[in-house]
Amino acid sequence: MFTGIVEEQGEIAAVTPSGDGVRLTVRAPLAVSDAAHGDSISIGGVCLTVVDRDGDAFTADVMRQTLDMSTLGHAAVGSRVNVERAMAAHGRLGGHIVQGHIDGTGEVLEVRPGEQWRVLRIGLSPALAPLVVDKGSIAVDGVSLTVSAVSAAEAAEPWFEVSLIPETLTATTLGDLAPGHRVNLETDILARHVQRLLAFPPTTVSHEGGSR
């Protein structure tokens, strides 16, 4: 589990084919400093498992499903990525609950600069649009952000907006985004649970905790 508070920008050092997936090596000195085999590290919002480490880099296996659903399918040597170690149980939840299990990708539609901030408008699929709410939380490339605007429910091409402060622009890769860039999206886990519950017919819960 993560919080969406990026600790450093890492660099992809190697992309090696491995079966129908790839073995990804990421240079991330802070994340590697206390990493052990089997640890979870978020790379661009995708939870990966450390299988090897060497110096200031670690290696993880990325399966085909992850490559198809995320921007890691187009990972290239030299690319910068947002890195966050798994949250410690005694740590502060500075962002929001982020699992590192992305729902898919979105496309940057517009970048509007301000004097001290920048607004991104990001298009997303109609299937994900109901899970994004104004003033709610969303993770974009692993960064915990607050939604500042959403498209109308009936919009054929839904979108949402986030406002980026100077710290986010410099500490993460979001400062380099331009229209046409694709980003990893993870919606709020609470919204996903509610959507799933509503997909089932209503049940009456007894005092004993069972259903009838």
N, C-alpha and C. Protein backbone atom coordinates (compact mmCIF):
# COMPACT_ATOMS: atom_id res chain seq x y z
N MET A 1 0.84 -1.19 0.00
CA MET A 1 0.00 0.00 0.00
C MET A 1 0.88 1.24 0.00
N PHE A 2 0.40 2.29 -0.71
CA PHE A 2 1.16 3.52 -0.85
C PHE A 2 0.26 4.71 -0.48
N THR A 3 0.86 5.90 -0.48
CA THR A 3 0.09 7.10 -0.15
C THR A 3 0.01 8.08 -1.31
N GLY A 4 0.76 7.86 -2.39
CA GLY A 4 0.77 8.79 -3.51
C GLY A 4 1.66 9.98 -3.30
N ILE A 5 2.51 9.92 -2.26
CA ILE A 5 3.49 10.99 -2.02
C ILE A 5 4.83 10.52 -2.59
N VAL A 6 5.20 11.04 -3.75
CA VAL A 6 6.40 10.58 -4.47
C VAL A 6 7.65 10.94 -3.68
N GLU A 7 8.55 9.96 -3.54
CA GLU A 7 9.79 10.16 -2.78
C GLU A 7 10.95 10.61 -3.66
N GLU A 8 10.96 10.17 -4.90
CA GLU A 8 12.03 10.55 -5.81
C GLU A 8 11.63 10.23 -7.24
N GLN A 9 12.34 10.84 -8.17
CA GLN A 9 12.18 10.47 -9.58
C GLN A 9 13.29 9.50 -9.93
N GLY A 10 12.90 8.31 -10.37
CA GLY A 10 13.87 7.31 -10.77
C GLY A 10 14.05 7.33 -12.28
N GLU A 11 15.00 6.52 -12.74
CA GLU A 11 15.29 6.43 -14.17
C GLU A 11 15.30 4.97 -14.59
N ILE A 12 14.61 4.67 -15.68
CA ILE A 12 14.62 3.30 -16.19
C ILE A 12 15.99 3.02 -16.80
N ALA A 13 16.65 1.99 -16.24
CA ALA A 13 18.02 1.68 -16.65
C ALA A 13 18.07 0.54 -17.66
N ALA A 14 17.07 -0.35 -17.65
CA ALA A 14 17.08 -1.47 -18.58
C ALA A 14 15.66 -2.02 -18.71
N VAL A 15 15.34 -2.46 -19.93
CA VAL A 15 14.07 -3.15 -20.21
C VAL A 15 14.42 -4.41 -20.96
N THR A 16 14.31 -5.55 -20.30
CA THR A 16 14.74 -6.83 -20.87
C THR A 16 13.53 -7.73 -21.07
N PRO A 17 13.30 -8.20 -22.31
CA PRO A 17 12.18 -9.12 -22.54
C PRO A 17 12.31 -10.37 -21.66
N SER A 18 11.17 -10.82 -21.14
CA SER A 18 11.15 -12.00 -20.28
C SER A 18 9.82 -12.72 -20.50
N GLY A 19 9.85 -13.75 -21.36
CA GLY A 19 8.61 -14.43 -21.72
C GLY A 19 7.70 -13.46 -22.45
N ASP A 20 6.43 -13.35 -22.00
CA ASP A 20 5.53 -12.39 -22.61
C ASP A 20 5.50 -11.07 -21.84
N GLY A 21 6.40 -10.94 -20.88
CA GLY A 21 6.52 -9.71 -20.11
C GLY A 21 7.90 -9.12 -20.27
N VAL A 22 8.30 -8.30 -19.31
CA VAL A 22 9.65 -7.73 -19.33
C VAL A 22 10.22 -7.73 -17.93
N ARG A 23 11.52 -7.64 -17.84
CA ARG A 23 12.21 -7.43 -16.58
C ARG A 23 12.72 -5.99 -16.61
N LEU A 24 12.22 -5.21 -15.66
CA LEU A 24 12.48 -3.78 -15.65
C LEU A 24 13.49 -3.45 -14.56
N THR A 25 14.53 -2.70 -14.92
CA THR A 25 15.51 -2.23 -13.94
C THR A 25 15.38 -0.72 -13.81
N VAL A 26 15.22 -0.28 -12.57
CA VAL A 26 15.00 1.15 -12.30
C VAL A 26 16.08 1.66 -11.35
N ARG A 27 16.72 2.76 -11.73
CA ARG A 27 17.70 3.39 -10.86
C ARG A 27 16.98 4.36 -9.94
N ALA A 28 16.99 4.04 -8.63
CA ALA A 28 16.26 4.84 -7.64
C ALA A 28 16.99 4.73 -6.31
N PRO A 29 18.01 5.57 -6.08
CA PRO A 29 18.89 5.44 -4.91
C PRO A 29 18.17 5.43 -3.57
N LEU A 30 17.17 6.29 -3.38
CA LEU A 30 16.48 6.34 -2.10
C LEU A 30 15.67 5.07 -1.87
N ALA A 31 14.92 4.65 -2.87
CA ALA A 31 14.09 3.46 -2.72
C ALA A 31 14.94 2.21 -2.50
N VAL A 32 16.08 2.17 -3.13
CA VAL A 32 16.95 0.99 -3.03
C VAL A 32 17.72 0.97 -1.71
N SER A 33 17.85 2.10 -1.06
CA SER A 33 18.70 2.20 0.13
C SER A 33 18.33 1.21 1.22
N ASP A 34 17.03 0.88 1.33
CA ASP A 34 16.64 -0.10 2.35
C ASP A 34 15.76 -1.20 1.76
N ALA A 35 15.84 -1.38 0.44
CA ALA A 35 15.00 -2.37 -0.23
C ALA A 35 15.54 -3.78 -0.02
N ALA A 36 14.62 -4.72 0.11
CA ALA A 36 14.97 -6.13 0.24
C ALA A 36 14.18 -6.92 -0.79
N HIS A 37 14.64 -8.12 -1.06
CA HIS A 37 13.96 -8.99 -2.00
C HIS A 37 12.50 -9.17 -1.56
N GLY A 38 11.56 -8.97 -2.50
CA GLY A 38 10.15 -9.13 -2.18
C GLY A 38 9.45 -7.85 -1.77
N ASP A 39 10.18 -6.76 -1.56
CA ASP A 39 9.56 -5.49 -1.19
C ASP A 39 8.75 -4.93 -2.35
N SER A 40 7.75 -4.11 -2.02
CA SER A 40 6.92 -3.46 -3.03
C SER A 40 7.38 -2.01 -3.21
N ILE A 41 7.52 -1.61 -4.47
CA ILE A 41 7.88 -0.24 -4.82
C ILE A 41 6.97 0.21 -5.95
N SER A 42 6.42 1.41 -5.82
CA SER A 42 5.56 1.95 -6.86
C SER A 42 6.40 2.68 -7.91
N ILE A 43 6.21 2.28 -9.17
CA ILE A 43 6.90 2.91 -10.29
C ILE A 43 5.85 3.49 -11.22
N GLY A 44 5.76 4.81 -11.26
CA GLY A 44 4.74 5.45 -12.07
C GLY A 44 3.33 5.06 -11.68
N GLY A 45 3.15 4.71 -10.40
CA GLY A 45 1.84 4.31 -9.92
C GLY A 45 1.56 2.83 -9.97
N VAL A 46 2.50 2.05 -10.51
CA VAL A 46 2.33 0.60 -10.62
C VAL A 46 3.14 -0.09 -9.54
N CYS A 47 2.49 -0.92 -8.74
CA CYS A 47 3.18 -1.65 -7.68
C CYS A 47 4.00 -2.78 -8.28
N LEU A 48 5.31 -2.75 -8.06
CA LEU A 48 6.21 -3.79 -8.54
C LEU A 48 6.93 -4.43 -7.37
N THR A 49 7.36 -5.68 -7.57
CA THR A 49 8.03 -6.45 -6.52
C THR A 49 9.52 -6.55 -6.82
N VAL A 50 10.33 -6.21 -5.86
CA VAL A 50 11.79 -6.27 -6.03
C VAL A 50 12.24 -7.73 -6.12
N VAL A 51 12.91 -8.08 -7.21
CA VAL A 51 13.45 -9.43 -7.35
C VAL A 51 14.97 -9.43 -7.31
N ASP A 52 15.56 -8.25 -7.48
CA ASP A 52 17.02 -8.14 -7.43
C ASP A 52 17.38 -6.68 -7.22
N ARG A 53 18.54 -6.44 -6.64
CA ARG A 53 19.04 -5.07 -6.49
C ARG A 53 20.54 -5.07 -6.70
N ASP A 54 21.03 -3.98 -7.26
CA ASP A 54 22.45 -3.86 -7.54
C ASP A 54 22.83 -2.39 -7.49
N GLY A 55 23.61 -2.02 -6.49
CA GLY A 55 24.00 -0.62 -6.33
C GLY A 55 22.79 0.24 -6.04
N ASP A 56 22.53 1.21 -6.89
CA ASP A 56 21.41 2.12 -6.66
C ASP A 56 20.20 1.79 -7.53
N ALA A 57 20.13 0.54 -8.01
CA ALA A 57 19.03 0.13 -8.88
C ALA A 57 18.40 -1.17 -8.40
N PHE A 58 17.13 -1.36 -8.76
CA PHE A 58 16.47 -2.62 -8.46
C PHE A 58 15.79 -3.14 -9.72
N THR A 59 15.51 -4.43 -9.73
CA THR A 59 14.88 -5.07 -10.88
C THR A 59 13.58 -5.72 -10.46
N ALA A 60 12.58 -5.63 -11.34
CA ALA A 60 11.26 -6.21 -11.08
C ALA A 60 10.73 -6.83 -12.37
N ASP A 61 9.92 -7.88 -12.21
CA ASP A 61 9.25 -8.51 -13.35
C ASP A 61 7.90 -7.84 -13.58
N VAL A 62 7.60 -7.54 -14.83
CA VAL A 62 6.33 -6.90 -15.18
C VAL A 62 5.58 -7.83 -16.13
N MET A 63 4.40 -8.28 -15.71
CA MET A 63 3.64 -9.24 -16.52
C MET A 63 2.92 -8.54 -17.67
N ARG A 64 2.46 -9.35 -18.64
CA ARG A 64 1.82 -8.83 -19.83
C ARG A 64 0.60 -7.98 -19.52
N GLN A 65 -0.25 -8.40 -18.57
CA GLN A 65 -1.44 -7.63 -18.24
C GLN A 65 -1.07 -6.22 -17.78
N THR A 66 -0.02 -6.10 -16.98
CA THR A 66 0.42 -4.79 -16.50
C THR A 66 0.94 -3.94 -17.66
N LEU A 67 1.66 -4.56 -18.57
CA LEU A 67 2.17 -3.82 -19.72
C LEU A 67 1.03 -3.31 -20.59
N ASP A 68 -0.03 -4.13 -20.73
CA ASP A 68 -1.17 -3.74 -21.56
C ASP A 68 -2.00 -2.64 -20.92
N MET A 69 -2.08 -2.62 -19.59
CA MET A 69 -2.96 -1.67 -18.89
C MET A 69 -2.29 -0.37 -18.50
N SER A 70 -0.97 -0.33 -18.54
CA SER A 70 -0.25 0.83 -18.03
C SER A 70 0.72 1.39 -19.06
N THR A 71 1.30 2.52 -18.72
CA THR A 71 2.30 3.13 -19.60
C THR A 71 3.63 2.38 -19.57
N LEU A 72 3.77 1.42 -18.66
CA LEU A 72 5.01 0.63 -18.63
C LEU A 72 5.18 -0.20 -19.89
N GLY A 73 4.09 -0.39 -20.63
CA GLY A 73 4.20 -1.10 -21.89
C GLY A 73 5.05 -0.35 -22.91
N HIS A 74 5.26 0.94 -22.66
CA HIS A 74 6.09 1.76 -23.56
C HIS A 74 7.33 2.29 -22.83
N ALA A 75 7.69 1.63 -21.75
CA ALA A 75 8.86 2.07 -20.98
C ALA A 75 10.12 2.01 -21.84
N ALA A 76 10.94 3.03 -21.73
CA ALA A 76 12.18 3.09 -22.50
C ALA A 76 13.33 3.49 -21.60
N VAL A 77 14.50 2.99 -21.91
CA VAL A 77 15.69 3.33 -21.12
C VAL A 77 15.89 4.85 -21.12
N GLY A 78 16.12 5.39 -19.93
CA GLY A 78 16.32 6.82 -19.79
C GLY A 78 15.08 7.58 -19.36
N SER A 79 13.90 6.92 -19.42
CA SER A 79 12.66 7.58 -19.01
C SER A 79 12.67 7.82 -17.51
N ARG A 80 12.09 8.96 -17.09
CA ARG A 80 11.96 9.27 -15.68
C ARG A 80 10.62 8.75 -15.17
N VAL A 81 10.62 8.22 -13.96
CA VAL A 81 9.40 7.67 -13.37
C VAL A 81 9.28 8.09 -11.91
N ASN A 82 8.05 8.23 -11.44
CA ASN A 82 7.81 8.55 -10.03
C ASN A 82 7.99 7.29 -9.19
N VAL A 83 8.70 7.43 -8.08
CA VAL A 83 9.03 6.27 -7.22
C VAL A 83 8.55 6.53 -5.80
N GLU A 84 7.92 5.50 -5.22
CA GLU A 84 7.51 5.57 -3.82
C GLU A 84 7.62 4.19 -3.20
N ARG A 85 8.27 4.12 -2.04
CA ARG A 85 8.30 2.86 -1.30
C ARG A 85 6.96 2.63 -0.61
N ALA A 86 6.68 1.36 -0.30
CA ALA A 86 5.44 1.04 0.40
C ALA A 86 5.39 1.77 1.73
N MET A 87 4.17 2.17 2.14
CA MET A 87 4.00 2.93 3.37
C MET A 87 4.30 2.08 4.59
N ALA A 88 5.07 2.63 5.51
CA ALA A 88 5.33 1.95 6.78
C ALA A 88 4.09 2.05 7.66
N ALA A 89 3.84 1.01 8.47
CA ALA A 89 2.62 0.97 9.30
C ALA A 89 2.56 2.13 10.28
N HIS A 90 3.72 2.65 10.68
CA HIS A 90 3.74 3.75 11.65
C HIS A 90 3.85 5.12 10.98
N GLY A 91 3.76 5.14 9.64
CA GLY A 91 3.94 6.40 8.93
C GLY A 91 2.65 7.20 8.82
N ARG A 92 2.77 8.45 8.36
CA ARG A 92 1.62 9.31 8.15
C ARG A 92 1.05 9.08 6.75
N LEU A 93 -0.26 9.08 6.66
CA LEU A 93 -0.94 8.94 5.38
C LEU A 93 -1.08 10.33 4.77
N GLY A 94 0.00 10.79 4.16
CA GLY A 94 0.03 12.16 3.68
C GLY A 94 -0.83 12.41 2.45
N GLY A 95 -1.05 11.38 1.65
CA GLY A 95 -1.89 11.54 0.46
C GLY A 95 -3.23 10.87 0.67
N HIS A 96 -3.45 9.73 -0.01
CA HIS A 96 -4.62 8.91 0.23
C HIS A 96 -4.24 7.46 0.01
N ILE A 97 -5.14 6.54 0.28
CA ILE A 97 -4.81 5.13 0.14
C ILE A 97 -4.67 4.78 -1.34
N VAL A 98 -3.45 4.40 -1.72
CA VAL A 98 -3.13 4.04 -3.10
C VAL A 98 -2.60 2.61 -3.11
N GLN A 99 -3.19 1.76 -3.91
CA GLN A 99 -2.80 0.36 -3.93
C GLN A 99 -1.68 0.05 -4.91
N GLY A 100 -1.53 0.90 -5.92
CA GLY A 100 -0.58 0.57 -6.98
C GLY A 100 -1.17 -0.39 -7.99
N HIS A 101 -2.50 -0.55 -7.95
CA HIS A 101 -3.22 -1.39 -8.90
C HIS A 101 -4.03 -0.45 -9.80
N ILE A 102 -3.44 -0.03 -10.89
CA ILE A 102 -4.07 1.00 -11.70
C ILE A 102 -5.28 0.45 -12.45
N ASP A 103 -6.19 1.37 -12.78
CA ASP A 103 -7.41 1.01 -13.50
C ASP A 103 -7.23 1.11 -15.01
N GLY A 104 -6.21 1.79 -15.46
CA GLY A 104 -5.98 2.01 -16.88
C GLY A 104 -5.22 3.29 -17.08
N THR A 105 -5.24 3.80 -18.28
CA THR A 105 -4.51 5.02 -18.59
C THR A 105 -5.48 6.11 -19.05
N GLY A 106 -5.01 7.34 -18.96
CA GLY A 106 -5.74 8.49 -19.47
C GLY A 106 -4.82 9.29 -20.36
N GLU A 107 -5.40 10.24 -21.09
CA GLU A 107 -4.60 11.08 -21.99
C GLU A 107 -4.70 12.55 -21.57
N VAL A 108 -3.55 13.19 -21.48
CA VAL A 108 -3.53 14.62 -21.18
C VAL A 108 -4.13 15.37 -22.36
N LEU A 109 -5.23 16.09 -22.10
CA LEU A 109 -5.92 16.83 -23.16
C LEU A 109 -5.50 18.29 -23.21
N GLU A 110 -5.19 18.85 -22.05
CA GLU A 110 -4.89 20.28 -21.99
C GLU A 110 -4.02 20.57 -20.78
N VAL A 111 -3.10 21.52 -20.94
CA VAL A 111 -2.27 22.00 -19.84
C VAL A 111 -2.43 23.52 -19.78
N ARG A 112 -2.99 23.99 -18.65
CA ARG A 112 -3.21 25.43 -18.50
C ARG A 112 -2.30 25.98 -17.41
N PRO A 113 -1.34 26.80 -17.77
CA PRO A 113 -0.41 27.34 -16.77
C PRO A 113 -1.03 28.49 -15.99
N GLY A 114 -0.64 28.59 -14.71
CA GLY A 114 -1.01 29.73 -13.89
C GLY A 114 0.25 30.38 -13.36
N GLU A 115 0.11 31.38 -12.52
CA GLU A 115 1.29 32.07 -12.00
C GLU A 115 2.13 31.15 -11.13
N GLN A 116 1.48 30.32 -10.30
CA GLN A 116 2.22 29.44 -9.40
C GLN A 116 1.73 28.01 -9.45
N TRP A 117 0.90 27.67 -10.38
CA TRP A 117 0.37 26.32 -10.46
C TRP A 117 0.09 25.99 -11.91
N ARG A 118 -0.37 24.78 -12.15
CA ARG A 118 -0.69 24.32 -13.50
C ARG A 118 -1.89 23.40 -13.42
N VAL A 119 -2.82 23.55 -14.32
CA VAL A 119 -4.01 22.72 -14.35
C VAL A 119 -3.91 21.73 -15.51
N LEU A 120 -4.11 20.46 -15.22
CA LEU A 120 -4.13 19.42 -16.24
C LEU A 120 -5.55 18.94 -16.45
N ARG A 121 -5.97 18.86 -17.69
CA ARG A 121 -7.23 18.19 -18.03
C ARG A 121 -6.88 16.85 -18.65
N ILE A 122 -7.42 15.79 -18.09
CA ILE A 122 -7.07 14.43 -18.51
C ILE A 122 -8.32 13.68 -18.93
N GLY A 123 -8.30 13.12 -20.12
CA GLY A 123 -9.41 12.31 -20.59
C GLY A 123 -9.30 10.90 -20.05
N LEU A 124 -10.45 10.29 -19.78
CA LEU A 124 -10.47 8.92 -19.27
C LEU A 124 -11.64 8.18 -19.88
N SER A 125 -11.65 6.88 -19.73
CA SER A 125 -12.68 6.06 -20.35
C SER A 125 -14.03 6.27 -19.66
N PRO A 126 -15.13 6.09 -20.38
CA PRO A 126 -16.47 6.20 -19.77
C PRO A 126 -16.66 5.24 -18.61
N ALA A 127 -15.97 4.10 -18.63
CA ALA A 127 -16.10 3.13 -17.54
C ALA A 127 -15.52 3.66 -16.24
N LEU A 128 -14.48 4.49 -16.31
CA LEU A 128 -13.84 5.03 -15.12
C LEU A 128 -14.46 6.34 -14.64
N ALA A 129 -15.14 7.04 -15.53
CA ALA A 129 -15.67 8.37 -15.20
C ALA A 129 -16.55 8.38 -13.94
N PRO A 130 -17.42 7.38 -13.72
CA PRO A 130 -18.26 7.43 -12.51
C PRO A 130 -17.47 7.31 -11.20
N LEU A 131 -16.22 6.86 -11.29
CA LEU A 131 -15.40 6.66 -10.10
C LEU A 131 -14.60 7.90 -9.72
N VAL A 132 -14.71 8.96 -10.51
CA VAL A 132 -13.95 10.19 -10.26
C VAL A 132 -14.93 11.29 -9.88
N VAL A 133 -14.75 11.87 -8.71
CA VAL A 133 -15.68 12.87 -8.19
C VAL A 133 -14.95 14.17 -7.87
N ASP A 134 -15.62 15.28 -8.08
CA ASP A 134 -15.04 16.58 -7.77
C ASP A 134 -14.65 16.65 -6.30
N LYS A 135 -13.44 17.10 -6.03
CA LYS A 135 -12.83 17.20 -4.70
C LYS A 135 -12.48 15.83 -4.11
N GLY A 136 -12.60 14.77 -4.92
CA GLY A 136 -12.17 13.45 -4.48
C GLY A 136 -10.70 13.23 -4.78
N SER A 137 -10.19 12.05 -4.46
CA SER A 137 -8.78 11.73 -4.67
C SER A 137 -8.60 10.84 -5.90
N ILE A 138 -7.48 11.03 -6.58
CA ILE A 138 -7.10 10.17 -7.68
C ILE A 138 -5.58 10.14 -7.74
N ALA A 139 -5.02 9.02 -8.20
CA ALA A 139 -3.57 8.91 -8.38
C ALA A 139 -3.26 8.97 -9.87
N VAL A 140 -2.41 9.90 -10.26
CA VAL A 140 -1.97 10.06 -11.64
C VAL A 140 -0.48 9.79 -11.70
N ASP A 141 -0.10 8.72 -12.39
CA ASP A 141 1.30 8.29 -12.41
C ASP A 141 1.86 8.12 -11.00
N GLY A 142 0.99 7.67 -10.10
CA GLY A 142 1.42 7.41 -8.73
C GLY A 142 1.39 8.60 -7.81
N VAL A 143 0.92 9.76 -8.29
CA VAL A 143 0.89 10.98 -7.49
C VAL A 143 -0.53 11.19 -6.94
N SER A 144 -0.65 11.32 -5.63
CA SER A 144 -1.94 11.58 -5.01
C SER A 144 -2.36 13.02 -5.30
N LEU A 145 -3.53 13.17 -5.94
CA LEU A 145 -4.02 14.49 -6.32
C LEU A 145 -5.49 14.64 -5.96
N THR A 146 -5.92 15.88 -5.82
CA THR A 146 -7.33 16.19 -5.58
C THR A 146 -7.97 16.64 -6.88
N VAL A 147 -9.08 16.02 -7.23
CA VAL A 147 -9.80 16.38 -8.45
C VAL A 147 -10.39 17.77 -8.27
N SER A 148 -10.12 18.67 -9.23
CA SER A 148 -10.61 20.05 -9.11
C SER A 148 -11.79 20.34 -10.02
N ALA A 149 -12.07 19.45 -10.99
CA ALA A 149 -13.23 19.61 -11.85
C ALA A 149 -13.47 18.30 -12.59
N VAL A 150 -14.72 18.05 -12.96
CA VAL A 150 -15.07 16.85 -13.72
C VAL A 150 -16.03 17.24 -14.84
N SER A 151 -16.08 16.42 -15.87
CA SER A 151 -17.02 16.64 -16.96
C SER A 151 -18.42 16.25 -16.52
N ALA A 152 -19.42 16.69 -17.28
CA ALA A 152 -20.80 16.33 -16.98
C ALA A 152 -21.00 14.83 -17.12
N ALA A 153 -21.93 14.29 -16.37
CA ALA A 153 -22.17 12.85 -16.38
C ALA A 153 -22.53 12.34 -17.77
N GLU A 154 -23.18 13.19 -18.56
CA GLU A 154 -23.60 12.74 -19.90
C GLU A 154 -22.55 12.97 -20.98
N ALA A 155 -21.37 13.45 -20.61
CA ALA A 155 -20.33 13.74 -21.60
C ALA A 155 -19.91 12.47 -22.35
N ALA A 156 -19.84 12.57 -23.66
CA ALA A 156 -19.45 11.41 -24.47
C ALA A 156 -17.96 11.11 -24.31
N GLU A 157 -17.18 12.15 -24.06
CA GLU A 157 -15.74 11.99 -23.87
C GLU A 157 -15.38 12.59 -22.51
N PRO A 158 -15.51 11.81 -21.44
CA PRO A 158 -15.32 12.34 -20.09
C PRO A 158 -13.89 12.76 -19.81
N TRP A 159 -13.76 13.69 -18.85
CA TRP A 159 -12.45 14.20 -18.43
C TRP A 159 -12.54 14.63 -16.98
N PHE A 160 -11.37 14.85 -16.40
CA PHE A 160 -11.29 15.46 -15.08
C PHE A 160 -10.08 16.38 -15.07
N GLU A 161 -10.05 17.27 -14.08
CA GLU A 161 -8.92 18.19 -13.97
C GLU A 161 -8.28 18.08 -12.59
N VAL A 162 -6.98 18.32 -12.55
CA VAL A 162 -6.23 18.40 -11.30
C VAL A 162 -5.35 19.64 -11.37
N SER A 163 -5.13 20.26 -10.22
CA SER A 163 -4.30 21.46 -10.14
C SER A 163 -2.99 21.12 -9.43
N LEU A 164 -1.89 21.44 -10.07
CA LEU A 164 -0.57 21.06 -9.56
C LEU A 164 0.16 22.26 -8.97
N ILE A 165 0.59 22.12 -7.72
CA ILE A 165 1.36 23.17 -7.05
C ILE A 165 2.83 23.08 -7.49
N PRO A 166 3.64 24.11 -7.25
CA PRO A 166 5.04 24.08 -7.67
C PRO A 166 5.81 22.86 -7.17
N GLU A 167 5.55 22.44 -5.92
CA GLU A 167 6.26 21.27 -5.39
C GLU A 167 5.99 20.03 -6.23
N THR A 168 4.75 19.83 -6.63
CA THR A 168 4.40 18.67 -7.45
C THR A 168 5.04 18.77 -8.83
N LEU A 169 5.10 19.96 -9.37
CA LEU A 169 5.68 20.15 -10.70
C LEU A 169 7.16 19.83 -10.73
N THR A 170 7.87 20.10 -9.63
CA THR A 170 9.31 19.86 -9.61
C THR A 170 9.68 18.50 -9.04
N ALA A 171 8.89 17.98 -8.11
CA ALA A 171 9.25 16.73 -7.43
C ALA A 171 8.78 15.49 -8.18
N THR A 172 7.89 15.66 -9.16
CA THR A 172 7.36 14.51 -9.89
C THR A 172 7.51 14.71 -11.39
N THR A 173 7.17 13.68 -12.13
CA THR A 173 7.25 13.76 -13.59
C THR A 173 6.07 14.52 -14.20
N LEU A 174 5.08 14.89 -13.38
CA LEU A 174 3.90 15.56 -13.91
C LEU A 174 4.23 16.94 -14.48
N GLY A 175 5.33 17.53 -14.03
CA GLY A 175 5.72 18.82 -14.55
C GLY A 175 6.15 18.79 -16.00
N ASP A 176 6.44 17.59 -16.53
CA ASP A 176 6.89 17.45 -17.92
C ASP A 176 5.77 17.06 -18.87
N LEU A 177 4.56 16.89 -18.34
CA LEU A 177 3.46 16.41 -19.19
C LEU A 177 2.99 17.48 -20.17
N ALA A 178 2.58 17.00 -21.34
CA ALA A 178 2.04 17.87 -22.38
C ALA A 178 0.86 17.15 -23.03
N PRO A 179 0.00 17.88 -23.73
CA PRO A 179 -1.12 17.22 -24.41
C PRO A 179 -0.66 16.05 -25.27
N GLY A 180 -1.38 14.95 -25.16
CA GLY A 180 -1.04 13.75 -25.90
C GLY A 180 -0.33 12.70 -25.07
N HIS A 181 0.27 13.11 -23.95
CA HIS A 181 0.93 12.15 -23.06
C HIS A 181 -0.11 11.26 -22.40
N ARG A 182 0.22 9.99 -22.22
CA ARG A 182 -0.65 9.07 -21.50
C ARG A 182 -0.12 8.90 -20.08
N VAL A 183 -1.05 8.75 -19.14
CA VAL A 183 -0.69 8.64 -17.73
C VAL A 183 -1.46 7.48 -17.10
N ASN A 184 -0.86 6.90 -16.07
CA ASN A 184 -1.52 5.82 -15.33
C ASN A 184 -2.52 6.42 -14.35
N LEU A 185 -3.70 5.81 -14.27
CA LEU A 185 -4.75 6.28 -13.39
C LEU A 185 -5.16 5.20 -12.40
N GLU A 186 -5.28 5.59 -11.14
CA GLU A 186 -5.88 4.72 -10.13
C GLU A 186 -6.95 5.51 -9.40
N THR A 187 -8.20 5.07 -9.53
CA THR A 187 -9.30 5.75 -8.88
C THR A 187 -9.35 5.37 -7.40
N ASP A 188 -10.19 6.04 -6.66
CA ASP A 188 -10.33 5.83 -5.22
C ASP A 188 -10.88 4.43 -4.94
N ILE A 189 -10.21 3.67 -4.09
CA ILE A 189 -10.63 2.31 -3.76
C ILE A 189 -12.03 2.30 -3.16
N LEU A 190 -12.41 3.34 -2.42
CA LEU A 190 -13.75 3.39 -1.83
C LEU A 190 -14.82 3.49 -2.92
N ALA A 191 -14.54 4.27 -3.96
CA ALA A 191 -15.49 4.39 -5.07
C ALA A 191 -15.63 3.06 -5.79
N ARG A 192 -14.54 2.33 -5.94
CA ARG A 192 -14.61 1.03 -6.63
C ARG A 192 -15.42 0.03 -5.82
N HIS A 193 -15.29 0.06 -4.49
CA HIS A 193 -16.07 -0.83 -3.64
C HIS A 193 -17.56 -0.52 -3.75
N VAL A 194 -17.91 0.75 -3.73
CA VAL A 194 -19.32 1.14 -3.83
C VAL A 194 -19.89 0.70 -5.17
N GLN A 195 -19.15 0.92 -6.24
CA GLN A 195 -19.61 0.51 -7.57
C GLN A 195 -19.88 -0.99 -7.62
N ARG A 196 -18.99 -1.77 -7.02
CA ARG A 196 -19.15 -3.23 -7.02
C ARG A 196 -20.37 -3.64 -6.19
N LEU A 197 -20.55 -3.01 -5.04
CA LEU A 197 -21.70 -3.33 -4.19
C LEU A 197 -23.02 -3.03 -4.90
N LEU A 198 -23.06 -1.93 -5.64
CA LEU A 198 -24.29 -1.54 -6.32
C LEU A 198 -24.61 -2.46 -7.50
N ALA A 199 -23.61 -3.24 -7.93
CA ALA A 199 -23.83 -4.16 -9.05
C ALA A 199 -24.63 -5.40 -8.62
N PHE A 200 -24.74 -5.63 -7.30
CA PHE A 200 -25.48 -6.78 -6.79
C PHE A 200 -26.88 -6.37 -6.36
N PRO A 201 -27.84 -7.31 -6.39
CA PRO A 201 -29.19 -6.98 -5.91
C PRO A 201 -29.19 -6.71 -4.42
N PRO A 202 -30.10 -5.86 -3.95
CA PRO A 202 -30.15 -5.54 -2.51
C PRO A 202 -30.37 -6.79 -1.67
N THR A 203 -29.76 -6.84 -0.50
CA THR A 203 -29.94 -7.93 0.44
C THR A 203 -30.29 -7.35 1.80
N THR A 204 -30.96 -8.13 2.60
CA THR A 204 -31.28 -7.73 3.95
C THR A 204 -30.31 -8.41 4.90
N VAL A 205 -29.60 -7.64 5.70
CA VAL A 205 -28.61 -8.19 6.61
C VAL A 205 -29.26 -8.44 7.97
N SER A 206 -29.12 -9.67 8.47
CA SER A 206 -29.72 -10.01 9.75
C SER A 206 -28.87 -9.50 10.89
N HIS A 207 -29.42 -9.56 12.12
CA HIS A 207 -28.69 -9.11 13.29
C HIS A 207 -27.47 -9.98 13.55
N GLU A 208 -27.50 -11.22 13.04
CA GLU A 208 -26.39 -12.15 13.26
C GLU A 208 -25.24 -11.88 12.27
N GLY A 209 -25.43 -10.96 11.38
CA GLY A 209 -24.36 -10.62 10.44
C GLY A 209 -24.46 -11.35 9.13
N GLY A 210 -25.44 -12.24 8.96
CA GLY A 210 -25.60 -12.94 7.70
C GLY A 210 -26.60 -12.26 6.81
N SER A 211 -26.84 -12.82 5.62
CA SER A 211 -27.80 -12.25 4.69
C SER A 211 -28.98 -13.20 4.55
N ARG A 212 -30.15 -12.64 4.25
CA ARG A 212 -31.33 -13.48 4.02
C ARG A 212 -32.17 -12.87 2.89
